[in-house]
Protein backbone atom coordinates (compact mmCIF):
# COMPACT_ATOMS: atom_id res chain seq x y z
CA MET A 1 109.47 199.55 84.75
CA GLY A 2 111.52 202.49 85.45
CA ARG A 3 110.11 202.65 88.91
CA GLU A 4 110.55 198.76 89.14
CA PHE A 5 113.89 198.79 87.91
CA THR A 6 115.36 201.75 90.52
CA SER A 7 113.66 200.13 93.51
CA LYS A 8 114.67 196.59 92.33
CA TYR A 9 118.31 198.52 92.27
CA THR A 10 117.43 200.84 95.40
CA SER A 11 117.18 197.72 97.46
CA VAL A 12 120.53 195.78 96.38
CA VAL A 13 122.86 198.67 97.17
CA ASN A 14 120.63 198.92 100.18
CA SER A 15 122.23 195.25 100.99
CA LEU A 16 125.43 196.35 99.53
CA ALA A 17 124.84 199.24 103.14
CA GLN A 18 123.30 196.69 105.20
CA GLY A 19 126.55 193.88 104.96
CA TYR A 20 123.80 190.65 103.62
CA GLN A 21 125.71 191.56 100.34
CA ASN A 22 129.17 191.76 98.81
CA SER A 23 129.59 194.53 96.29
CA GLU A 24 130.02 192.44 93.42
CA ALA A 25 125.64 192.23 92.74
CA SER A 26 125.56 196.44 93.32
CA VAL A 27 128.14 196.52 90.76
CA CYS A 28 126.82 193.97 88.12
CA PHE A 29 123.17 194.90 88.83
CA VAL A 30 123.17 197.18 86.49
CA PRO A 31 124.99 196.24 83.30
CA LEU A 32 123.05 192.96 83.07
CA ILE A 33 119.56 193.66 83.43
CA LEU A 34 120.49 196.19 80.86
CA GLN A 35 123.15 194.58 78.94
CA LYS A 36 121.57 195.46 75.32
CA ASP A 37 120.57 192.85 72.12
CA LYS A 38 120.59 193.74 69.30
CA ASN A 39 117.48 191.32 68.25
CA PHE A 40 115.19 193.54 70.22
CA LYS A 41 113.82 196.74 68.66
CA LYS A 42 111.24 197.84 69.67
CA THR A 43 109.90 199.30 73.38
CA ALA A 44 107.25 196.81 74.03
CA ASP A 45 110.07 194.28 73.11
CA ILE A 46 112.40 195.64 75.64
CA ARG A 47 110.69 196.00 78.23
CA ARG A 48 109.97 191.95 78.19
CA LEU A 49 112.77 191.87 78.20
CA ILE A 50 114.30 194.22 81.20
CA SER A 51 111.36 191.95 83.33
CA ARG A 52 112.24 188.78 82.92
CA ARG A 53 115.21 189.74 83.85
CA LEU A 54 114.21 191.04 86.70
CA LYS A 55 112.37 188.50 87.30
CA MET A 56 115.44 186.24 86.79
CA TRP A 57 117.70 188.06 89.24
CA SER A 58 114.77 188.20 91.85
CA ASP A 59 114.53 184.20 91.56
CA GLY A 60 118.33 184.62 92.19
CA ASN A 61 119.29 183.10 88.85
CA ILE A 62 122.91 184.82 88.24
CA GLU A 63 124.71 182.53 86.46
CA ASN A 64 121.66 183.04 83.92
CA LEU A 65 121.98 186.64 83.81
CA ILE A 66 125.33 186.48 83.20
CA SER A 67 125.63 183.76 80.24
CA GLU A 68 123.00 185.89 78.38
CA ALA A 69 124.53 189.49 78.77
CA GLU A 70 127.70 187.16 77.43
CA GLN A 71 126.22 186.19 74.57
CA CYS A 72 124.36 189.46 73.92
CA ASP A 73 127.88 190.77 74.09
CA GLN A 74 128.95 188.76 71.71
CA LYS A 75 126.92 189.09 68.91
CA LEU A 76 126.89 193.40 69.02
CA PRO A 77 129.29 194.30 66.48
CA ARG A 78 132.47 195.87 67.16
CA SER A 79 132.86 199.16 66.25
CA THR A 80 136.37 199.88 65.10
CA THR A 81 138.16 202.55 63.24
CA ASN A 82 141.14 203.34 62.06
CA MET A 83 140.68 207.51 62.47
CA THR A 84 144.55 209.04 62.24
CA ASP A 85 145.10 211.65 63.98
CA GLU A 86 144.33 214.71 62.03
CA GLN A 87 141.18 213.88 61.59
CA ALA A 88 140.83 212.92 65.95
CA VAL A 89 141.17 216.51 65.88
CA LYS A 90 139.42 218.05 62.83
CA VAL A 91 136.59 215.88 64.22
CA PHE A 92 136.90 217.17 67.94
CA SER A 93 137.44 220.56 66.62
CA ARG A 94 134.29 220.30 64.66
CA LEU A 95 131.94 218.57 67.39
CA MET A 96 132.95 221.37 69.84
CA LEU A 97 132.78 224.58 67.50
CA GLU A 98 128.82 222.87 67.40
CA GLY A 99 129.02 222.75 71.15
CA LYS A 100 128.19 219.22 71.20
CA ILE A 101 131.44 217.95 73.67
């Protein structure tokens, strides 16, 4: 799966370098293929989803990929935290001391 993804992305970048495609294709490829879908949790399901998206890309169904990515994005929860500056400093300091940043 990873090799197929990398191979396709390499061909997209090579097409850009040779002037066959515009830069939007190389910028859009990764987010369109790897867009998270909250309905898919198991590894096998995620692999099938990515394989289907890679096939859609190869077949030129870019508009369908874009609409699917937009739908998936709308379904994902928006994480908004109302953190004060003081709380942010405390969290940042704790993470720094733990070596996580």
